[in-house]
């Protein structure tokens, strides 16, 4: 018959093993997360296609938003357009990791905007969804502004995506 392990011994053994694993991880860990590392950018054909697609989609979103405000279009049309634009952005395959991260944020931004329009059209409060869309837009802007010089040096001009 096996004797039960006392909780104190089990706790001490678990703590000792955890400390050993942590120590080994620190000792043998690499330094990829150090501050001051260089960031590399690429500017491939898919990256340039991504920039062109996003530029076009942001122009379209501006058009549809203005049309919605002036009551020239029904909200359902704007919702569909925003979702289509999200799908178009998500279909791109940028190789640069900053542009790849931007792609994911932009896709979510278009979806949140479409939710805000749909909720508002139903007579409910779409403020939360619109705040999410704005927060995502600001994150996109910050990412692209930080990468503007590096991407520009590689031949990818993201200034049209930074807005006026």
N, C-alpha and C. Protein backbone atom coordinates (compact mmCIF):
# COMPACT_ATOMS: atom_id res chain seq x y z
N UNK A 1 0.84 -1.16 0.00
CA UNK A 1 0.00 0.00 0.00
C UNK A 1 0.89 1.24 0.00
N UNK A 2 0.42 2.24 -0.73
CA UNK A 2 1.19 3.47 -0.86
C UNK A 2 0.75 4.44 0.23
N UNK A 3 1.74 5.04 0.88
CA UNK A 3 1.44 6.02 1.92
C UNK A 3 1.10 7.36 1.27
N UNK A 4 0.12 8.07 1.78
CA UNK A 4 -0.21 9.38 1.21
C UNK A 4 0.92 10.38 1.46
N UNK A 5 1.11 11.28 0.52
CA UNK A 5 2.13 12.30 0.63
C UNK A 5 1.57 13.46 1.45
N UNK A 6 2.36 13.94 2.37
CA UNK A 6 1.91 15.06 3.18
C UNK A 6 1.87 16.32 2.32
N UNK A 7 0.88 17.17 2.54
CA UNK A 7 0.74 18.39 1.74
C UNK A 7 1.98 19.30 1.80
N UNK A 8 2.63 19.37 2.95
CA UNK A 8 3.82 20.22 3.07
C UNK A 8 4.95 19.71 2.19
N UNK A 9 5.14 18.42 2.17
CA UNK A 9 6.21 17.86 1.34
C UNK A 9 5.89 18.05 -0.14
N UNK A 10 4.63 17.86 -0.50
CA UNK A 10 4.22 18.05 -1.88
C UNK A 10 4.43 19.50 -2.30
N UNK A 11 4.06 20.42 -1.43
CA UNK A 11 4.24 21.84 -1.72
C UNK A 11 5.72 22.18 -1.85
N UNK A 12 6.55 21.67 -0.95
CA UNK A 12 7.99 21.94 -0.99
C UNK A 12 8.62 21.36 -2.26
N UNK A 13 8.21 20.15 -2.64
CA UNK A 13 8.76 19.53 -3.84
C UNK A 13 8.33 20.31 -5.09
N UNK A 14 7.09 20.73 -5.14
CA UNK A 14 6.60 21.52 -6.27
C UNK A 14 7.34 22.85 -6.36
N UNK A 15 7.52 23.51 -5.24
CA UNK A 15 8.24 24.77 -5.21
C UNK A 15 9.69 24.60 -5.66
N UNK A 16 10.34 23.56 -5.20
CA UNK A 16 11.73 23.30 -5.57
C UNK A 16 11.86 23.02 -7.07
N UNK A 17 10.97 22.23 -7.60
CA UNK A 17 11.00 21.93 -9.05
C UNK A 17 10.70 23.17 -9.88
N UNK A 18 9.75 23.95 -9.44
CA UNK A 18 9.43 25.18 -10.16
C UNK A 18 10.61 26.13 -10.16
N UNK A 19 11.27 26.26 -9.00
CA UNK A 19 12.45 27.12 -8.91
C UNK A 19 13.57 26.63 -9.81
N UNK A 20 13.75 25.31 -9.87
CA UNK A 20 14.80 24.76 -10.73
C UNK A 20 14.50 25.02 -12.21
N UNK A 21 13.26 24.82 -12.61
CA UNK A 21 12.87 25.06 -14.01
C UNK A 21 13.04 26.54 -14.34
N UNK A 22 12.63 27.42 -13.45
CA UNK A 22 12.76 28.85 -13.68
C UNK A 22 14.23 29.24 -13.79
N UNK A 23 15.05 28.72 -12.91
CA UNK A 23 16.48 29.03 -12.93
C UNK A 23 17.14 28.57 -14.22
N UNK A 24 16.82 27.37 -14.67
CA UNK A 24 17.38 26.85 -15.91
C UNK A 24 16.91 27.70 -17.09
N UNK A 25 15.64 28.10 -17.07
CA UNK A 25 15.11 28.93 -18.16
C UNK A 25 15.83 30.28 -18.22
N UNK A 26 16.10 30.87 -17.09
CA UNK A 26 16.81 32.15 -17.05
C UNK A 26 18.26 31.95 -17.50
N UNK A 27 18.88 30.90 -17.02
CA UNK A 27 20.29 30.67 -17.33
C UNK A 27 20.51 30.38 -18.81
N UNK A 28 19.66 29.54 -19.39
CA UNK A 28 19.84 29.15 -20.78
C UNK A 28 19.00 29.96 -21.76
N UNK A 29 18.14 30.83 -21.25
CA UNK A 29 17.27 31.61 -22.13
C UNK A 29 18.07 32.52 -23.03
N UNK A 30 17.53 32.75 -24.22
CA UNK A 30 18.22 33.67 -25.12
C UNK A 30 17.75 35.09 -24.84
N UNK A 31 18.37 36.06 -25.46
CA UNK A 31 18.11 37.46 -25.15
C UNK A 31 17.33 38.14 -26.26
N UNK A 32 16.37 37.48 -26.83
CA UNK A 32 15.60 38.08 -27.92
C UNK A 32 14.74 39.24 -27.44
N UNK A 33 14.39 39.29 -26.18
CA UNK A 33 13.49 40.33 -25.69
C UNK A 33 14.23 41.53 -25.12
N UNK A 34 15.50 41.67 -25.40
CA UNK A 34 16.25 42.80 -24.89
C UNK A 34 15.82 44.08 -25.58
N UNK A 35 15.86 45.16 -24.80
CA UNK A 35 15.53 46.46 -25.36
C UNK A 35 16.66 46.93 -26.27
N UNK A 36 16.32 47.75 -27.22
CA UNK A 36 17.33 48.31 -28.10
C UNK A 36 17.69 47.43 -29.29
N UNK A 37 17.00 46.34 -29.47
CA UNK A 37 17.25 45.47 -30.62
C UNK A 37 16.81 46.16 -31.90
N UNK A 38 17.40 45.76 -32.98
CA UNK A 38 17.03 46.36 -34.25
C UNK A 38 15.77 45.71 -34.81
N UNK A 39 14.97 46.51 -35.44
CA UNK A 39 13.75 46.03 -36.08
C UNK A 39 13.99 46.06 -37.57
N UNK A 40 13.69 44.97 -38.23
CA UNK A 40 13.89 44.93 -39.67
C UNK A 40 12.54 45.00 -40.37
N UNK A 41 12.54 45.65 -41.50
CA UNK A 41 11.33 45.80 -42.30
C UNK A 41 11.56 45.21 -43.68
N UNK A 42 10.49 44.75 -44.29
CA UNK A 42 10.56 44.25 -45.66
C UNK A 42 9.55 45.02 -46.49
N UNK A 43 9.75 44.99 -47.78
CA UNK A 43 8.80 45.64 -48.69
C UNK A 43 8.68 44.77 -49.93
N UNK A 44 7.88 43.74 -49.81
CA UNK A 44 7.68 42.80 -50.92
C UNK A 44 6.47 43.24 -51.74
N UNK A 45 6.24 42.54 -52.84
CA UNK A 45 5.06 42.82 -53.67
C UNK A 45 3.76 42.65 -52.87
N UNK A 46 3.63 41.59 -52.03
CA UNK A 46 2.41 41.51 -51.22
C UNK A 46 2.26 42.67 -50.24
N UNK A 47 3.39 43.21 -49.75
CA UNK A 47 3.32 44.36 -48.86
C UNK A 47 2.78 45.58 -49.60
N UNK A 48 3.27 45.80 -50.81
CA UNK A 48 2.80 46.93 -51.61
C UNK A 48 1.33 46.75 -51.98
N UNK A 49 0.92 45.52 -52.27
CA UNK A 49 -0.49 45.25 -52.58
C UNK A 49 -1.36 45.52 -51.35
N UNK A 50 -0.87 45.15 -50.18
CA UNK A 50 -1.60 45.41 -48.95
C UNK A 50 -1.81 46.92 -48.77
N UNK A 51 -0.75 47.69 -48.96
CA UNK A 51 -0.85 49.14 -48.78
C UNK A 51 -1.85 49.74 -49.76
N UNK A 52 -1.82 49.29 -51.01
CA UNK A 52 -2.77 49.79 -52.02
C UNK A 52 -4.20 49.40 -51.67
N UNK A 53 -4.40 48.17 -51.22
CA UNK A 53 -5.75 47.71 -50.85
C UNK A 53 -6.29 48.51 -49.68
N UNK A 54 -5.47 48.69 -48.66
CA UNK A 54 -5.91 49.42 -47.47
C UNK A 54 -6.20 50.88 -47.83
N UNK A 55 -5.36 51.48 -48.63
CA UNK A 55 -5.58 52.87 -49.04
C UNK A 55 -6.92 53.01 -49.75
N UNK A 56 -7.20 52.10 -50.66
CA UNK A 56 -8.47 52.11 -51.38
C UNK A 56 -9.65 51.89 -50.43
N UNK A 57 -9.50 50.94 -49.51
CA UNK A 57 -10.60 50.63 -48.59
C UNK A 57 -10.87 51.76 -47.61
N UNK A 58 -9.83 52.46 -47.18
CA UNK A 58 -10.04 53.60 -46.28
C UNK A 58 -10.75 54.73 -47.02
N UNK A 59 -10.42 54.92 -48.29
CA UNK A 59 -11.11 55.92 -49.11
C UNK A 59 -12.58 55.55 -49.26
N UNK A 60 -12.84 54.28 -49.51
CA UNK A 60 -14.22 53.81 -49.65
C UNK A 60 -14.99 53.98 -48.34
N UNK A 61 -14.34 53.65 -47.22
CA UNK A 61 -15.00 53.80 -45.92
C UNK A 61 -15.36 55.26 -45.67
N UNK A 62 -14.47 56.16 -46.02
CA UNK A 62 -14.75 57.58 -45.87
C UNK A 62 -15.94 58.00 -46.72
N UNK A 63 -15.98 57.52 -47.95
CA UNK A 63 -17.10 57.83 -48.84
C UNK A 63 -18.42 57.34 -48.25
N UNK A 64 -18.45 56.06 -47.84
CA UNK A 64 -19.68 55.49 -47.33
C UNK A 64 -20.10 56.14 -46.01
N UNK A 65 -19.14 56.51 -45.19
CA UNK A 65 -19.46 57.19 -43.93
C UNK A 65 -20.08 58.55 -44.19
N UNK A 66 -19.50 59.29 -45.14
CA UNK A 66 -20.07 60.60 -45.51
C UNK A 66 -21.47 60.43 -46.09
N UNK A 67 -21.65 59.42 -46.93
CA UNK A 67 -22.97 59.18 -47.52
C UNK A 67 -23.99 58.82 -46.44
N UNK A 68 -23.56 58.10 -45.42
CA UNK A 68 -24.46 57.74 -44.33
C UNK A 68 -24.87 58.98 -43.53
N UNK A 69 -23.91 59.82 -43.25
CA UNK A 69 -24.20 61.03 -42.47
C UNK A 69 -25.16 61.95 -43.23
N UNK A 70 -24.99 62.03 -44.54
CA UNK A 70 -25.86 62.90 -45.34
C UNK A 70 -27.16 62.20 -45.77
N UNK A 71 -27.39 61.00 -45.27
CA UNK A 71 -28.60 60.21 -45.55
C UNK A 71 -28.76 59.88 -47.03
N UNK A 72 -27.63 59.72 -47.72
CA UNK A 72 -27.67 59.34 -49.14
C UNK A 72 -27.64 57.83 -49.33
N UNK A 73 -27.47 57.09 -48.26
CA UNK A 73 -27.38 55.64 -48.34
C UNK A 73 -27.99 55.05 -47.07
N UNK A 74 -28.53 53.86 -47.21
CA UNK A 74 -29.11 53.16 -46.05
C UNK A 74 -27.99 52.55 -45.21
N UNK A 75 -28.18 52.48 -43.90
CA UNK A 75 -27.15 51.91 -43.03
C UNK A 75 -26.75 50.48 -43.40
N UNK A 76 -27.71 49.69 -43.90
CA UNK A 76 -27.40 48.31 -44.27
C UNK A 76 -26.33 48.24 -45.36
N UNK A 77 -26.35 49.20 -46.26
CA UNK A 77 -25.36 49.24 -47.34
C UNK A 77 -23.97 49.52 -46.75
N UNK A 78 -23.91 50.44 -45.80
CA UNK A 78 -22.63 50.78 -45.17
C UNK A 78 -22.11 49.59 -44.37
N UNK A 79 -23.00 48.90 -43.68
CA UNK A 79 -22.60 47.70 -42.92
C UNK A 79 -22.00 46.66 -43.87
N UNK A 80 -22.68 46.42 -44.98
CA UNK A 80 -22.18 45.44 -45.94
C UNK A 80 -20.83 45.88 -46.52
N UNK A 81 -20.70 47.13 -46.87
CA UNK A 81 -19.45 47.63 -47.43
C UNK A 81 -18.30 47.50 -46.43
N UNK A 82 -18.55 47.84 -45.18
CA UNK A 82 -17.50 47.74 -44.16
C UNK A 82 -17.07 46.29 -43.95
N UNK A 83 -18.04 45.38 -43.96
CA UNK A 83 -17.69 43.96 -43.80
C UNK A 83 -16.93 43.44 -45.02
N UNK A 84 -17.32 43.89 -46.20
CA UNK A 84 -16.60 43.50 -47.42
C UNK A 84 -15.17 44.03 -47.39
N UNK A 85 -15.01 45.25 -46.92
CA UNK A 85 -13.67 45.83 -46.82
C UNK A 85 -12.81 45.06 -45.81
N UNK A 86 -13.43 44.63 -44.73
CA UNK A 86 -12.70 43.81 -43.74
C UNK A 86 -12.23 42.51 -44.39
N UNK A 87 -13.09 41.90 -45.18
CA UNK A 87 -12.72 40.64 -45.86
C UNK A 87 -11.61 40.88 -46.88
N UNK A 88 -11.67 41.99 -47.59
CA UNK A 88 -10.62 42.30 -48.57
C UNK A 88 -9.27 42.51 -47.89
N UNK A 89 -9.28 43.20 -46.77
CA UNK A 89 -8.03 43.43 -46.04
C UNK A 89 -7.49 42.11 -45.50
N UNK A 90 -8.36 41.29 -44.95
CA UNK A 90 -7.92 40.01 -44.39
C UNK A 90 -7.43 39.04 -45.47
N UNK A 91 -7.85 39.25 -46.71
CA UNK A 91 -7.41 38.37 -47.80
C UNK A 91 -5.99 38.69 -48.27
N UNK A 92 -5.46 39.83 -47.84
CA UNK A 92 -4.09 40.18 -48.23
C UNK A 92 -3.10 39.38 -47.39
N UNK A 93 -1.89 39.29 -47.89
CA UNK A 93 -0.85 38.51 -47.21
C UNK A 93 0.46 39.30 -47.09
N UNK A 94 0.45 40.42 -46.34
CA UNK A 94 1.70 41.18 -46.22
C UNK A 94 2.79 40.35 -45.54
N UNK A 95 4.01 40.51 -46.01
CA UNK A 95 5.13 39.75 -45.47
C UNK A 95 5.78 40.46 -44.28
N UNK A 96 5.76 41.79 -44.30
CA UNK A 96 6.34 42.56 -43.21
C UNK A 96 5.50 42.35 -41.95
N UNK A 97 6.17 42.13 -40.83
CA UNK A 97 5.41 41.79 -39.63
C UNK A 97 4.60 42.97 -39.08
N UNK A 98 5.07 44.20 -39.30
CA UNK A 98 4.28 45.36 -38.87
C UNK A 98 3.02 45.47 -39.72
N UNK A 99 3.16 45.29 -41.01
CA UNK A 99 1.99 45.34 -41.89
C UNK A 99 1.04 44.18 -41.62
N UNK A 100 1.60 43.03 -41.24
CA UNK A 100 0.75 41.87 -40.90
C UNK A 100 -0.08 42.17 -39.66
N UNK A 101 0.56 42.77 -38.66
CA UNK A 101 -0.18 43.14 -37.44
C UNK A 101 -1.22 44.21 -37.76
N UNK A 102 -0.85 45.14 -38.63
CA UNK A 102 -1.77 46.19 -39.05
C UNK A 102 -2.98 45.59 -39.76
N UNK A 103 -2.75 44.58 -40.57
CA UNK A 103 -3.84 43.91 -41.29
C UNK A 103 -4.88 43.38 -40.32
N UNK A 104 -4.42 42.71 -39.28
CA UNK A 104 -5.36 42.14 -38.31
C UNK A 104 -6.15 43.23 -37.59
N UNK A 105 -5.47 44.31 -37.21
CA UNK A 105 -6.15 45.41 -36.53
C UNK A 105 -7.16 46.09 -37.46
N UNK A 106 -6.78 46.30 -38.71
CA UNK A 106 -7.69 46.95 -39.66
C UNK A 106 -8.93 46.10 -39.93
N UNK A 107 -8.73 44.81 -40.07
CA UNK A 107 -9.89 43.92 -40.27
C UNK A 107 -10.86 44.04 -39.12
N UNK A 108 -10.34 44.06 -37.91
CA UNK A 108 -11.19 44.21 -36.72
C UNK A 108 -11.84 45.59 -36.67
N UNK A 109 -11.10 46.60 -37.09
CA UNK A 109 -11.64 47.97 -37.09
C UNK A 109 -12.85 48.07 -38.02
N UNK A 110 -12.73 47.51 -39.23
CA UNK A 110 -13.85 47.54 -40.17
C UNK A 110 -15.06 46.80 -39.61
N UNK A 111 -14.82 45.67 -38.96
CA UNK A 111 -15.93 44.90 -38.37
C UNK A 111 -16.59 45.68 -37.24
N UNK A 112 -15.79 46.29 -36.37
CA UNK A 112 -16.36 47.07 -35.27
C UNK A 112 -17.16 48.25 -35.79
N UNK A 113 -16.66 48.89 -36.84
CA UNK A 113 -17.40 50.00 -37.44
C UNK A 113 -18.74 49.50 -37.99
N UNK A 114 -18.72 48.35 -38.66
CA UNK A 114 -19.97 47.81 -39.20
C UNK A 114 -20.95 47.48 -38.08
N UNK A 115 -20.44 46.97 -36.96
CA UNK A 115 -21.31 46.70 -35.81
C UNK A 115 -21.93 47.98 -35.27
N UNK A 116 -21.11 49.03 -35.17
CA UNK A 116 -21.61 50.30 -34.65
C UNK A 116 -22.72 50.85 -35.54
N UNK A 117 -22.54 50.77 -36.84
CA UNK A 117 -23.56 51.27 -37.77
C UNK A 117 -24.82 50.41 -37.66
N UNK A 118 -24.66 49.10 -37.60
CA UNK A 118 -25.82 48.20 -37.51
C UNK A 118 -26.61 48.42 -36.22
N UNK A 119 -25.89 48.54 -35.11
CA UNK A 119 -26.56 48.74 -33.82
C UNK A 119 -27.28 50.08 -33.79
N UNK A 120 -26.63 51.11 -34.30
CA UNK A 120 -27.25 52.44 -34.33
C UNK A 120 -28.48 52.44 -35.24
N UNK A 121 -28.41 51.73 -36.36
CA UNK A 121 -29.55 51.66 -37.29
C UNK A 121 -30.76 51.00 -36.63
N UNK A 122 -30.50 50.07 -35.70
CA UNK A 122 -31.61 49.42 -34.97
C UNK A 122 -32.17 50.30 -33.87
N UNK A 123 -31.53 51.45 -33.64
CA UNK A 123 -32.01 52.36 -32.61
C UNK A 123 -31.33 52.15 -31.26
N UNK A 124 -30.34 51.28 -31.22
CA UNK A 124 -29.61 51.05 -29.97
C UNK A 124 -28.35 51.91 -29.95
N UNK A 125 -27.64 51.83 -28.85
CA UNK A 125 -26.43 52.65 -28.68
C UNK A 125 -25.21 51.91 -29.22
N UNK A 126 -24.65 52.42 -30.30
CA UNK A 126 -23.46 51.82 -30.91
C UNK A 126 -22.17 52.47 -30.45
N UNK A 127 -22.24 53.25 -29.38
CA UNK A 127 -21.08 53.99 -28.91
C UNK A 127 -19.91 53.07 -28.56
N UNK A 128 -20.16 51.97 -27.89
CA UNK A 128 -19.09 51.05 -27.50
C UNK A 128 -18.37 50.46 -28.71
N UNK A 129 -19.14 50.06 -29.71
CA UNK A 129 -18.53 49.51 -30.93
C UNK A 129 -17.72 50.58 -31.66
N UNK A 130 -18.26 51.80 -31.69
CA UNK A 130 -17.53 52.88 -32.36
C UNK A 130 -16.25 53.23 -31.60
N UNK A 131 -16.31 53.17 -30.28
CA UNK A 131 -15.09 53.39 -29.49
C UNK A 131 -14.05 52.32 -29.81
N UNK A 132 -14.49 51.09 -29.94
CA UNK A 132 -13.56 50.01 -30.30
C UNK A 132 -12.94 50.27 -31.67
N UNK A 133 -13.75 50.70 -32.61
CA UNK A 133 -13.24 51.00 -33.96
C UNK A 133 -12.20 52.12 -33.89
N UNK A 134 -12.49 53.16 -33.13
CA UNK A 134 -11.53 54.26 -33.00
C UNK A 134 -10.26 53.81 -32.31
N UNK A 135 -10.39 53.00 -31.28
CA UNK A 135 -9.21 52.50 -30.56
C UNK A 135 -8.33 51.68 -31.50
N UNK A 136 -8.95 50.84 -32.31
CA UNK A 136 -8.20 50.05 -33.29
C UNK A 136 -7.55 50.95 -34.34
N UNK A 137 -8.27 51.98 -34.78
CA UNK A 137 -7.72 52.92 -35.76
C UNK A 137 -6.49 53.63 -35.19
N UNK A 138 -6.56 54.01 -33.93
CA UNK A 138 -5.41 54.67 -33.30
C UNK A 138 -4.23 53.70 -33.18
N UNK A 139 -4.51 52.46 -32.88
CA UNK A 139 -3.43 51.47 -32.80
C UNK A 139 -2.77 51.27 -34.16
N UNK A 140 -3.58 51.24 -35.21
CA UNK A 140 -3.05 51.11 -36.57
C UNK A 140 -2.16 52.32 -36.88
N UNK A 141 -2.66 53.50 -36.56
CA UNK A 141 -1.89 54.71 -36.83
C UNK A 141 -0.56 54.68 -36.09
N UNK A 142 -0.58 54.30 -34.82
CA UNK A 142 0.65 54.25 -34.03
C UNK A 142 1.65 53.25 -34.61
N UNK A 143 1.15 52.08 -35.01
CA UNK A 143 2.04 51.08 -35.62
C UNK A 143 2.67 51.60 -36.90
N UNK A 144 1.85 52.16 -37.76
CA UNK A 144 2.35 52.63 -39.05
C UNK A 144 3.25 53.86 -38.90
N UNK A 145 2.92 54.75 -37.99
CA UNK A 145 3.77 55.92 -37.77
C UNK A 145 5.15 55.49 -37.27
N UNK A 146 5.18 54.49 -36.40
CA UNK A 146 6.45 53.98 -35.89
C UNK A 146 7.28 53.27 -36.95
N UNK A 147 6.61 52.69 -37.93
CA UNK A 147 7.31 51.93 -38.97
C UNK A 147 7.49 52.73 -40.26
N UNK A 148 7.00 53.95 -40.30
CA UNK A 148 7.00 54.73 -41.53
C UNK A 148 8.40 54.88 -42.13
N UNK A 149 9.35 55.29 -41.31
CA UNK A 149 10.72 55.50 -41.83
C UNK A 149 11.34 54.18 -42.29
N UNK A 150 11.20 53.13 -41.50
CA UNK A 150 11.79 51.84 -41.85
C UNK A 150 11.18 51.24 -43.09
N UNK A 151 9.86 51.30 -43.20
CA UNK A 151 9.20 50.78 -44.40
C UNK A 151 9.51 51.64 -45.61
N UNK A 152 9.55 52.97 -45.39
CA UNK A 152 9.89 53.88 -46.49
C UNK A 152 11.28 53.62 -47.03
N UNK A 153 12.22 53.32 -46.14
CA UNK A 153 13.59 53.03 -46.57
C UNK A 153 13.65 51.77 -47.43
N UNK A 154 12.69 50.87 -47.24
CA UNK A 154 12.64 49.64 -48.03
C UNK A 154 11.82 49.80 -49.31
N UNK A 155 11.16 50.96 -49.47
CA UNK A 155 10.37 51.21 -50.68
C UNK A 155 8.87 51.14 -50.49
N UNK A 156 8.40 51.00 -49.27
CA UNK A 156 6.96 50.95 -49.00
C UNK A 156 6.54 52.25 -48.31
N UNK A 157 5.80 53.06 -49.01
CA UNK A 157 5.34 54.34 -48.47
C UNK A 157 3.99 54.14 -47.81
N UNK A 158 3.94 54.26 -46.49
CA UNK A 158 2.68 54.08 -45.78
C UNK A 158 2.05 55.42 -45.40
N UNK A 159 2.63 56.53 -45.83
CA UNK A 159 2.06 57.83 -45.47
C UNK A 159 0.60 58.00 -45.94
N UNK A 160 0.18 57.41 -47.07
CA UNK A 160 -1.25 57.55 -47.43
C UNK A 160 -2.18 56.89 -46.41
N UNK A 161 -1.66 55.96 -45.62
CA UNK A 161 -2.49 55.28 -44.63
C UNK A 161 -2.53 56.03 -43.30
N UNK A 162 -1.68 57.03 -43.17
CA UNK A 162 -1.60 57.76 -41.90
C UNK A 162 -2.63 58.88 -41.82
N UNK A 163 -3.26 59.18 -42.93
CA UNK A 163 -4.31 60.19 -42.93
C UNK A 163 -3.76 61.60 -43.07
N UNK A 164 -4.69 62.57 -43.12
CA UNK A 164 -4.27 63.96 -43.30
C UNK A 164 -3.58 64.54 -42.08
